[in-house]
Protein backbone atom coordinates (compact mmCIF):
# COMPACT_ATOMS: atom_id res chain seq x y z
CA MET A 1 0.00 0.00 0.00
CA SER A 2 1.35 3.44 -0.96
CA ILE A 3 1.49 6.43 1.41
CA TYR A 4 0.04 8.45 -1.43
CA GLU A 5 -3.08 6.33 -1.54
CA TYR A 6 -6.29 8.36 -1.66
CA ASP A 7 -8.46 8.08 1.48
CA LYS A 8 -11.95 8.89 0.24
CA GLU A 9 -13.58 8.79 3.69
CA PHE A 10 -10.97 11.11 5.20
CA GLU A 11 -11.28 13.58 2.31
CA GLU A 12 -15.10 13.58 2.55
CA LYS A 13 -14.90 14.30 6.29
CA LYS A 14 -12.51 17.19 5.64
CA LEU A 15 -14.82 18.57 2.97
CA ARG A 16 -17.92 18.27 5.19
CA LYS A 17 -16.09 19.98 8.06
CA ALA A 18 -14.98 22.85 5.80
CA GLU A 19 -18.50 23.24 4.36
CA TYR A 20 -20.01 23.14 7.84
CA GLU A 21 -17.61 25.82 9.08
CA ALA A 22 -18.27 28.03 6.06
CA GLY A 23 -22.03 27.68 6.55
CA ARG A 24 -21.66 28.36 10.25
CA GLN A 25 -19.72 31.57 9.59
CA ASP A 26 -22.29 32.68 7.01
CA GLY A 27 -25.06 31.98 9.53
CA ILE A 28 -23.28 33.99 12.21
CA GLU A 29 -22.85 36.96 9.88
CA ILE A 30 -26.46 36.84 8.69
CA GLY A 31 -27.63 36.54 12.30
CA ARG A 32 -25.49 39.51 13.29
CA GLN A 33 -26.88 41.66 10.50
CA ASP A 34 -30.45 40.60 11.34
CA GLY A 35 -29.79 41.39 14.99
CA ILE A 36 -28.48 44.84 14.15
CA GLU A 37 -31.55 45.59 12.02
CA ILE A 38 -33.93 44.31 14.70
CA GLY A 39 -32.12 46.39 17.31
CA ARG A 40 -32.30 49.47 15.11
CA GLN A 41 -36.03 49.03 14.55
CA ASP A 42 -36.62 48.44 18.27
CA GLY A 43 -34.65 51.60 19.05
CA ILE A 44 -36.75 53.63 16.63
CA GLU A 45 -39.97 52.32 18.18
CA ILE A 46 -38.74 53.07 21.71
CA GLY A 47 -37.78 56.58 20.62
CA LYS A 48 -41.22 57.18 19.11
CA ARG A 49 -42.92 55.95 22.28
CA ILE A 50 -40.76 58.16 24.51
CA LEU A 51 -41.45 61.19 22.30
CA LEU A 52 -45.20 60.51 22.35
CA GLU A 53 -45.15 60.20 26.14
CA LYS A 54 -43.23 63.47 26.44
CA ILE A 55 -45.67 65.34 24.19
CA ILE A 56 -48.70 63.92 25.98
CA LYS A 57 -47.23 64.84 29.36
CA LYS A 58 -46.79 68.46 28.22
CA LYS A 59 -50.35 68.61 26.91
CA LEU A 60 -51.73 67.16 30.14
CA LYS A 61 -49.87 69.84 32.12
CA LYS A 62 -51.64 72.43 29.96
CA GLY A 63 -54.97 70.95 31.05
CA LYS A 64 -55.87 69.23 27.78
CA SER A 65 -58.22 66.28 27.87
CA THR A 66 -57.39 62.87 26.48
CA GLU A 67 -59.79 63.50 23.60
CA GLN A 68 -58.19 66.87 22.78
CA ILE A 69 -54.72 65.34 22.82
CA ALA A 70 -55.81 62.48 20.55
CA ASP A 71 -57.41 64.97 18.16
CA GLU A 72 -54.40 67.31 18.10
CA LEU A 73 -51.91 64.48 17.62
CA GLU A 74 -54.20 62.68 15.16
CA GLU A 75 -53.68 59.53 17.18
CA ASP A 76 -56.08 56.77 18.23
CA ILE A 77 -57.81 57.65 21.50
CA ASN A 78 -57.06 54.20 22.93
CA ILE A 79 -53.32 54.70 22.46
CA ILE A 80 -53.48 58.11 24.15
CA GLN A 81 -55.51 56.67 27.04
CA LYS A 82 -52.95 53.90 27.60
CA VAL A 83 -50.12 56.43 27.68
CA VAL A 84 -52.07 58.70 30.06
CA GLU A 85 -52.75 55.73 32.38
CA LYS A 86 -49.06 54.82 32.31
CA LEU A 87 -48.03 58.39 33.10
CA LYS A 88 -50.52 58.59 35.98
CA SER A 89 -49.25 55.33 37.45
CA GLN A 90 -45.69 56.77 37.48
CA ILE A 91 -46.74 59.71 39.67
């Protein structure tokens, strides 16, 4: 038997391992990019919610009703009511 003899099983294992590792790295990179995008979107939503709460708080201090605030902000009354309830519970 020659030392240069081809070992098919060994070569297939090496190939599978290399393909697995390449796929794993691709998956990690895709996951990282997806995670960044999800985090960015979550950050935008949190920022919008904080801004809405801040605006509503100012309008409440001016004596505006929930209905007036919803009308002025052109926002659903139910959303405004939830924010107002949250703000009141923080006091």
